[in-house]
């Protein structure tokens, strides 16, 4: 469930978000705040361990592709 929020400037110059739970049209909101349930399955909520696992997988695929390309170049006799 998303909610509308308005930015309220404090006397010290900082901004604080004030939720407006009565707003029903999210297109008119200055800011839209998502609930915890919506963020739970988000790609951006990964832990450091999850990020390391994903990056290791990406690097492994890249290394495998580079190795296959190198083998193909050796078999063809290419010097690139």
PDB file of N, CA and C in Angstrom:
ATOM      1  N   UNK A   1       0.853  -1.175   0.000  1.00  0.00           N
ATOM      2  CA  UNK A   1       0.000   0.000   0.000  1.00  0.00           C
ATOM      3  C   UNK A   1       0.895   1.232   0.000  1.00  0.00           C
ATOM      4  N   UNK A   2       0.697   2.102  -0.910  1.00  0.00           N
ATOM      5  CA  UNK A   2       1.477   3.331  -0.997  1.00  0.00           C
ATOM      6  C   UNK A   2       0.682   4.475  -0.375  1.00  0.00           C
ATOM      7  N   UNK A   3       1.405   5.478   0.095  1.00  0.00           N
ATOM      8  CA  UNK A   3       0.767   6.639   0.709  1.00  0.00           C
ATOM      9  C   UNK A   3       1.401   7.906   0.161  1.00  0.00           C
ATOM     10  N   UNK A   4       0.638   8.990   0.182  1.00  0.00           N
ATOM     11  CA  UNK A   4       1.154  10.292  -0.239  1.00  0.00           C
ATOM     12  C   UNK A   4       1.931  10.939   0.900  1.00  0.00           C
ATOM     13  N   UNK A   5       2.906  11.752   0.521  1.00  0.00           N
ATOM     14  CA  UNK A   5       3.667  12.492   1.515  1.00  0.00           C
ATOM     15  C   UNK A   5       3.980  13.872   0.959  1.00  0.00           C
ATOM     16  N   UNK A   6       4.035  14.839   1.834  1.00  0.00           N
ATOM     17  CA  UNK A   6       4.395  16.214   1.477  1.00  0.00           C
ATOM     18  C   UNK A   6       5.696  16.567   2.192  1.00  0.00           C
ATOM     19  N   UNK A   7       6.548  17.329   1.537  1.00  0.00           N
ATOM     20  CA  UNK A   7       7.785  17.786   2.165  1.00  0.00           C
ATOM     21  C   UNK A   7       7.485  19.052   2.962  1.00  0.00           C
ATOM     22  N   UNK A   8       7.875  19.053   4.211  1.00  0.00           N
ATOM     23  CA  UNK A   8       7.663  20.204   5.088  1.00  0.00           C
ATOM     24  C   UNK A   8       9.043  20.695   5.519  1.00  0.00           C
ATOM     25  N   UNK A   9       9.312  21.976   5.250  1.00  0.00           N
ATOM     26  CA  UNK A   9      10.611  22.533   5.605  1.00  0.00           C
ATOM     27  C   UNK A   9      10.624  22.935   7.082  1.00  0.00           C
ATOM     28  N   UNK A  10      11.644  22.477   7.775  1.00  0.00           N
ATOM     29  CA  UNK A  10      11.823  22.775   9.191  1.00  0.00           C
ATOM     30  C   UNK A  10      12.546  24.108   9.355  1.00  0.00           C
ATOM     31  N   UNK A  11      12.495  24.710  10.542  1.00  0.00           N
ATOM     32  CA  UNK A  11      13.182  25.992  10.761  1.00  0.00           C
ATOM     33  C   UNK A  11      14.696  25.939  10.509  1.00  0.00           C
ATOM     34  N   UNK A  12      15.302  24.753  10.696  1.00  0.00           N
ATOM     35  CA  UNK A  12      16.743  24.646  10.466  1.00  0.00           C
ATOM     36  C   UNK A  12      17.088  24.397   8.995  1.00  0.00           C
ATOM     37  N   UNK A  13      16.077  24.356   8.115  1.00  0.00           N
ATOM     38  CA  UNK A  13      16.312  24.206   6.685  1.00  0.00           C
ATOM     39  C   UNK A  13      16.176  22.790   6.174  1.00  0.00           C
ATOM     40  N   UNK A  14      16.046  21.810   7.057  1.00  0.00           N
ATOM     41  CA  UNK A  14      15.904  20.432   6.615  1.00  0.00           C
ATOM     42  C   UNK A  14      14.459  20.162   6.209  1.00  0.00           C
ATOM     43  N   UNK A  15      14.283  19.112   5.427  1.00  0.00           N
ATOM     44  CA  UNK A  15      12.952  18.712   4.988  1.00  0.00           C
ATOM     45  C   UNK A  15      12.523  17.452   5.720  1.00  0.00           C
ATOM     46  N   UNK A  16      11.260  17.412   6.088  1.00  0.00           N
ATOM     47  CA  UNK A  16      10.672  16.246   6.732  1.00  0.00           C
ATOM     48  C   UNK A  16       9.439  15.863   5.925  1.00  0.00           C
ATOM     49  N   UNK A  17       9.251  14.561   5.697  1.00  0.00           N
ATOM     50  CA  UNK A  17       8.073  14.107   4.969  1.00  0.00           C
ATOM     51  C   UNK A  17       6.912  13.923   5.932  1.00  0.00           C
ATOM     52  N   UNK A  18       5.774  14.511   5.586  1.00  0.00           N
ATOM     53  CA  UNK A  18       4.548  14.370   6.379  1.00  0.00           C
ATOM     54  C   UNK A  18       3.582  13.521   5.561  1.00  0.00           C
ATOM     55  N   UNK A  19       3.182  12.372   6.112  1.00  0.00           N
ATOM     56  CA  UNK A  19       2.275  11.471   5.411  1.00  0.00           C
ATOM     57  C   UNK A  19       0.862  12.035   5.384  1.00  0.00           C
ATOM     58  N   UNK A  20       0.196  11.816   4.262  1.00  0.00           N
ATOM     59  CA  UNK A  20      -1.191  12.221   4.106  1.00  0.00           C
ATOM     60  C   UNK A  20      -2.003  10.971   3.757  1.00  0.00           C
ATOM     61  N   UNK A  21      -2.453  10.238   4.766  1.00  0.00           N
ATOM     62  CA  UNK A  21      -3.131   8.960   4.487  1.00  0.00           C
ATOM     63  C   UNK A  21      -4.497   9.116   3.836  1.00  0.00           C
ATOM     64  N   UNK A  22      -5.062  10.309   3.829  1.00  0.00           N
ATOM     65  CA  UNK A  22      -6.393  10.493   3.244  1.00  0.00           C
ATOM     66  C   UNK A  22      -6.353  10.670   1.733  1.00  0.00           C
ATOM     67  N   UNK A  23      -5.201  10.949   1.152  1.00  0.00           N
ATOM     68  CA  UNK A  23      -5.094  11.146  -0.296  1.00  0.00           C
ATOM     69  C   UNK A  23      -5.285   9.811  -1.009  1.00  0.00           C
ATOM     70  N   UNK A  24      -6.145   9.802  -2.018  1.00  0.00           N
ATOM     71  CA  UNK A  24      -6.424   8.568  -2.748  1.00  0.00           C
ATOM     72  C   UNK A  24      -5.804   8.552  -4.139  1.00  0.00           C
ATOM     73  N   UNK A  25      -5.554   9.706  -4.735  1.00  0.00           N
ATOM     74  CA  UNK A  25      -4.980   9.780  -6.076  1.00  0.00           C
ATOM     75  C   UNK A  25      -3.474   9.995  -5.959  1.00  0.00           C
ATOM     76  N   UNK A  26      -2.699   8.944  -6.231  1.00  0.00           N
ATOM     77  CA  UNK A  26      -1.245   9.019  -6.074  1.00  0.00           C
ATOM     78  C   UNK A  26      -0.576   9.891  -7.134  1.00  0.00           C
ATOM     79  N   UNK A  27      -1.267  10.172  -8.244  1.00  0.00           N
ATOM     80  CA  UNK A  27      -0.661  10.990  -9.292  1.00  0.00           C
ATOM     81  C   UNK A  27      -0.542  12.455  -8.867  1.00  0.00           C
ATOM     82  N   UNK A  28      -1.286  12.867  -7.854  1.00  0.00           N
ATOM     83  CA  UNK A  28      -1.213  14.250  -7.387  1.00  0.00           C
ATOM     84  C   UNK A  28      -0.252  14.420  -6.211  1.00  0.00           C
ATOM     85  N   UNK A  29       0.364  13.344  -5.767  1.00  0.00           N
ATOM     86  CA  UNK A  29       1.261  13.399  -4.603  1.00  0.00           C
ATOM     87  C   UNK A  29       2.599  14.026  -4.966  1.00  0.00           C
ATOM     88  N   UNK A  30       3.166  14.761  -4.018  1.00  0.00           N
ATOM     89  CA  UNK A  30       4.511  15.288  -4.203  1.00  0.00           C
ATOM     90  C   UNK A  30       5.518  14.142  -4.090  1.00  0.00           C
ATOM     91  N   UNK A  31       5.317  13.256  -3.120  1.00  0.00           N
ATOM     92  CA  UNK A  31       6.142  12.060  -2.937  1.00  0.00           C
ATOM     93  C   UNK A  31       5.217  10.878  -2.670  1.00  0.00           C
ATOM     94  N   UNK A  32       5.606   9.701  -3.156  1.00  0.00           N
ATOM     95  CA  UNK A  32       4.858   8.484  -2.884  1.00  0.00           C
ATOM     96  C   UNK A  32       5.752   7.590  -2.029  1.00  0.00           C
ATOM     97  N   UNK A  33       5.232   7.186  -0.881  1.00  0.00           N
ATOM     98  CA  UNK A  33       5.987   6.358   0.049  1.00  0.00           C
ATOM     99  C   UNK A  33       5.416   4.952  -0.016  1.00  0.00           C
ATOM    100  N   UNK A  34       6.290   3.961  -0.267  1.00  0.00           N
ATOM    101  CA  UNK A  34       5.840   2.582  -0.353  1.00  0.00           C
ATOM    102  C   UNK A  34       5.836   1.940   1.028  1.00  0.00           C
ATOM    103  N   UNK A  35       5.012   0.927   1.161  1.00  0.00           N
ATOM    104  CA  UNK A  35       4.962   0.195   2.424  1.00  0.00           C
ATOM    105  C   UNK A  35       6.108  -0.816   2.474  1.00  0.00           C
ATOM    106  N   UNK A  36       6.336  -1.361   3.632  1.00  0.00           N
ATOM    107  CA  UNK A  36       7.393  -2.357   3.800  1.00  0.00           C
ATOM    108  C   UNK A  36       7.146  -3.618   3.002  1.00  0.00           C
ATOM    109  N   UNK A  37       5.882  -3.993   2.837  1.00  0.00           N
ATOM    110  CA  UNK A  37       5.557  -5.203   2.088  1.00  0.00           C
ATOM    111  C   UNK A  37       5.941  -5.053   0.614  1.00  0.00           C
ATOM    112  N   UNK A  38       5.788  -3.872   0.051  1.00  0.00           N
ATOM    113  CA  UNK A  38       6.140  -3.650  -1.355  1.00  0.00           C
ATOM    114  C   UNK A  38       7.652  -3.657  -1.547  1.00  0.00           C
ATOM    115  N   UNK A  39       8.390  -3.209  -0.542  1.00  0.00           N
ATOM    116  CA  UNK A  39       9.843  -3.164  -0.650  1.00  0.00           C
ATOM    117  C   UNK A  39      10.502  -4.490  -0.323  1.00  0.00           C
ATOM    118  N   UNK A  40       9.782  -5.398   0.331  1.00  0.00           N
ATOM    119  CA  UNK A  40      10.368  -6.665   0.761  1.00  0.00           C
ATOM    120  C   UNK A  40      10.849  -7.495  -0.424  1.00  0.00           C
ATOM    121  N   UNK A  41      10.156  -7.448  -1.543  1.00  0.00           N
ATOM    122  CA  UNK A  41      10.533  -8.235  -2.712  1.00  0.00           C
ATOM    123  C   UNK A  41      11.253  -7.401  -3.764  1.00  0.00           C
ATOM    124  N   UNK A  42      11.734  -6.253  -3.387  1.00  0.00           N
ATOM    125  CA  UNK A  42      12.403  -5.361  -4.319  1.00  0.00           C
ATOM    126  C   UNK A  42      13.845  -5.804  -4.561  1.00  0.00           C
ATOM    127  N   UNK A  43      14.341  -5.543  -5.751  1.00  0.00           N
ATOM    128  CA  UNK A  43      15.731  -5.851  -6.080  1.00  0.00           C
ATOM    129  C   UNK A  43      16.687  -5.008  -5.240  1.00  0.00           C
ATOM    130  N   UNK A  44      16.245  -3.830  -4.817  1.00  0.00           N
ATOM    131  CA  UNK A  44      17.115  -2.932  -4.073  1.00  0.00           C
ATOM    132  C   UNK A  44      17.192  -3.267  -2.590  1.00  0.00           C
ATOM    133  N   UNK A  45      16.487  -4.277  -2.141  1.00  0.00           N
ATOM    134  CA  UNK A  45      16.530  -4.643  -0.729  1.00  0.00           C
ATOM    135  C   UNK A  45      17.433  -5.843  -0.484  1.00  0.00           C
ATOM    136  N   UNK A  46      18.397  -6.072  -1.362  1.00  0.00           N
ATOM    137  CA  UNK A  46      19.318  -7.189  -1.192  1.00  0.00           C
ATOM    138  C   UNK A  46      20.285  -6.911  -0.046  1.00  0.00           C
ATOM    139  N   UNK A  47      20.697  -7.982   0.608  1.00  0.00           N
ATOM    140  CA  UNK A  47      21.743  -7.863   1.614  1.00  0.00           C
ATOM    141  C   UNK A  47      23.094  -7.868   0.906  1.00  0.00           C
ATOM    142  N   UNK A  48      24.143  -7.606   1.659  1.00  0.00           N
ATOM    143  CA  UNK A  48      25.487  -7.619   1.082  1.00  0.00           C
ATOM    144  C   UNK A  48      25.836  -9.018   0.580  1.00  0.00           C
ATOM    145  N   UNK A  49      25.401 -10.035   1.299  1.00  0.00           N
ATOM    146  CA  UNK A  49      25.678 -11.409   0.872  1.00  0.00           C
ATOM    147  C   UNK A  49      24.945 -11.735  -0.431  1.00  0.00           C
ATOM    148  N   UNK A  50      23.706 -11.274  -0.555  1.00  0.00           N
ATOM    149  CA  UNK A  50      22.956 -11.487  -1.804  1.00  0.00           C
ATOM    150  C   UNK A  50      23.626 -10.762  -2.963  1.00  0.00           C
ATOM    151  N   UNK A  51      24.083  -9.549  -2.724  1.00  0.00           N
ATOM    152  CA  UNK A  51      24.766  -8.789  -3.766  1.00  0.00           C
ATOM    153  C   UNK A  51      26.062  -9.444  -4.200  1.00  0.00           C
ATOM    154  N   UNK A  52      26.787  -9.995  -3.234  1.00  0.00           N
ATOM    155  CA  UNK A  52      28.035 -10.697  -3.561  1.00  0.00           C
ATOM    156  C   UNK A  52      27.749 -11.935  -4.398  1.00  0.00           C
ATOM    157  N   UNK A  53      26.679 -12.645  -4.081  1.00  0.00           N
ATOM    158  CA  UNK A  53      26.310 -13.840  -4.833  1.00  0.00           C
ATOM    159  C   UNK A  53      25.934 -13.483  -6.271  1.00  0.00           C
ATOM    160  N   UNK A  54      25.149 -12.430  -6.447  1.00  0.00           N
ATOM    161  CA  UNK A  54      24.745 -12.004  -7.785  1.00  0.00           C
ATOM    162  C   UNK A  54      25.963 -11.530  -8.588  1.00  0.00           C
ATOM    163  N   UNK A  55      26.822 -10.730  -7.970  1.00  0.00           N
ATOM    164  CA  UNK A  55      27.994 -10.229  -8.696  1.00  0.00           C
ATOM    165  C   UNK A  55      28.956 -11.359  -9.040  1.00  0.00           C
ATOM    166  N   UNK A  56      29.081 -12.360  -8.166  1.00  0.00           N
ATOM    167  CA  UNK A  56      29.926 -13.516  -8.477  1.00  0.00           C
ATOM    168  C   UNK A  56      29.365 -14.279  -9.672  1.00  0.00           C
ATOM    169  N   UNK A  57      28.057 -14.421  -9.728  1.00  0.00           N
ATOM    170  CA  UNK A  57      27.439 -15.083 -10.873  1.00  0.00           C
ATOM    171  C   UNK A  57      27.665 -14.335 -12.172  1.00  0.00           C
ATOM    172  N   UNK A  58      27.532 -13.023 -12.126  1.00  0.00           N
ATOM    173  CA  UNK A  58      27.738 -12.200 -13.330  1.00  0.00           C
ATOM    174  C   UNK A  58      29.183 -12.286 -13.794  1.00  0.00           C
ATOM    175  N   UNK A  59      30.123 -12.193 -12.869  1.00  0.00           N
ATOM    176  CA  UNK A  59      31.542 -12.267 -13.227  1.00  0.00           C
ATOM    177  C   UNK A  59      31.887 -13.654 -13.765  1.00  0.00           C
ATOM    178  N   UNK A  60      31.300 -14.705 -13.184  1.00  0.00           N
ATOM    179  CA  UNK A  60      31.558 -16.064 -13.662  1.00  0.00           C
ATOM    180  C   UNK A  60      31.093 -16.249 -15.096  1.00  0.00           C
ATOM    181  N   UNK A  61      29.923 -15.729 -15.423  1.00  0.00           N
ATOM    182  CA  UNK A  61      29.422 -15.824 -16.795  1.00  0.00           C
ATOM    183  C   UNK A  61      30.334 -15.051 -17.738  1.00  0.00           C
ATOM    184  N   UNK A  62      30.803 -13.878 -17.320  1.00  0.00           N
ATOM    185  CA  UNK A  62      31.692 -13.086 -18.167  1.00  0.00           C
ATOM    186  C   UNK A  62      33.010 -13.817 -18.405  1.00  0.00           C
ATOM    187  N   UNK A  63      33.574 -14.416 -17.348  1.00  0.00           N
ATOM    188  CA  UNK A  63      34.841 -15.147 -17.476  1.00  0.00           C
ATOM    189  C   UNK A  63      34.658 -16.354 -18.393  1.00  0.00           C
ATOM    190  N   UNK A  64      33.555 -17.060 -18.268  1.00  0.00           N
ATOM    191  CA  UNK A  64      33.308 -18.215 -19.131  1.00  0.00           C
ATOM    192  C   UNK A  64      33.192 -17.777 -20.588  1.00  0.00           C
ATOM    193  N   UNK A  65      32.480 -16.690 -20.845  1.00  0.00           N
ATOM    194  CA  UNK A  65      32.341 -16.196 -22.218  1.00  0.00           C
ATOM    195  C   UNK A  65      33.692 -15.749 -22.775  1.00  0.00           C
ATOM    196  N   UNK A  66      34.501 -15.091 -21.944  1.00  0.00           N
ATOM    197  CA  UNK A  66      35.823 -14.655 -22.395  1.00  0.00           C
ATOM    198  C   UNK A  66      36.697 -15.866 -22.721  1.00  0.00           C
ATOM    199  N   UNK A  67      36.629 -16.903 -21.886  1.00  0.00           N
ATOM    200  CA  UNK A  67      37.413 -18.114 -22.139  1.00  0.00           C
ATOM    201  C   UNK A  67      36.993 -18.802 -23.417  1.00  0.00           C
ATOM    202  N   UNK A  68      35.688 -18.914 -23.642  1.00  0.00           N
ATOM    203  CA  UNK A  68      35.195 -19.540 -24.875  1.00  0.00           C
ATOM    204  C   UNK A  68      35.623 -18.737 -26.090  1.00  0.00           C
ATOM    205  N   UNK A  69      35.548 -17.423 -25.984  1.00  0.00           N
ATOM    206  CA  UNK A  69      35.972 -16.571 -27.110  1.00  0.00           C
ATOM    207  C   UNK A  69      37.463 -16.732 -27.370  1.00  0.00           C
ATOM    208  N   UNK A  70      38.255 -16.830 -26.327  1.00  0.00           N
ATOM    209  CA  UNK A  70      39.703 -17.020 -26.490  1.00  0.00           C
ATOM    210  C   UNK A  70      40.013 -18.357 -27.156  1.00  0.00           C
ATOM    211  N   UNK A  71      39.304 -19.404 -26.755  1.00  0.00           N
ATOM    212  CA  UNK A  71      39.514 -20.722 -27.363  1.00  0.00           C
ATOM    213  C   UNK A  71      39.136 -20.688 -28.838  1.00  0.00           C
ATOM    214  N   UNK A  72      38.027 -20.038 -29.168  1.00  0.00           N
ATOM    215  CA  UNK A  72      37.609 -19.927 -30.576  1.00  0.00           C
ATOM    216  C   UNK A  72      38.658 -19.177 -31.383  1.00  0.00           C
ATOM    217  N   UNK A  73      39.223 -18.110 -30.824  1.00  0.00           N
ATOM    218  CA  UNK A  73      40.251 -17.340 -31.536  1.00  0.00           C
ATOM    219  C   UNK A  73      41.510 -18.172 -31.752  1.00  0.00           C
ATOM    220  N   UNK A  74      41.876 -19.016 -30.783  1.00  0.00           N
ATOM    221  CA  UNK A  74      43.054 -19.868 -30.941  1.00  0.00           C
ATOM    222  C   UNK A  74      42.811 -20.914 -32.032  1.00  0.00           C
ATOM    223  N   UNK A  75      41.621 -21.492 -32.039  1.00  0.00           N
ATOM    224  CA  UNK A  75      41.306 -22.514 -33.042  1.00  0.00           C
ATOM    225  C   UNK A  75      41.293 -21.907 -34.449  1.00  0.00           C
ATOM    226  N   UNK A  76      40.769 -20.712 -34.579  1.00  0.00           N
ATOM    227  CA  UNK A  76      40.730 -20.058 -35.894  1.00  0.00           C
ATOM    228  C   UNK A  76      42.082 -19.489 -36.308  1.00  0.00           C
ATOM    229  N   UNK A  77      42.977 -19.309 -35.360  1.00  0.00           N
ATOM    230  CA  UNK A  77      44.282 -18.755 -35.682  1.00  0.00           C
ATOM    231  C   UNK A  77      44.283 -17.243 -35.691  1.00  0.00           C
ATOM    232  N   UNK A  78      43.285 -16.635 -35.097  1.00  0.00           N
ATOM    233  CA  UNK A  78      43.191 -15.196 -35.059  1.00  0.00           C
ATOM    234  C   UNK A  78      44.136 -14.642 -34.000  1.00  0.00           C
ATOM    235  N   UNK A  79      44.686 -13.469 -34.258  1.00  0.00           N
ATOM    236  CA  UNK A  79      45.607 -12.842 -33.289  1.00  0.00           C
ATOM    237  C   UNK A  79      44.956 -11.710 -32.528  1.00  0.00           C
ATOM    238  N   UNK A  80      43.642 -11.555 -32.584  1.00  0.00           N
ATOM    239  CA  UNK A  80      42.940 -10.464 -31.902  1.00  0.00           C
ATOM    240  C   UNK A  80      42.790 -10.763 -30.434  1.00  0.00           C
TER     241      UNK A  80
END
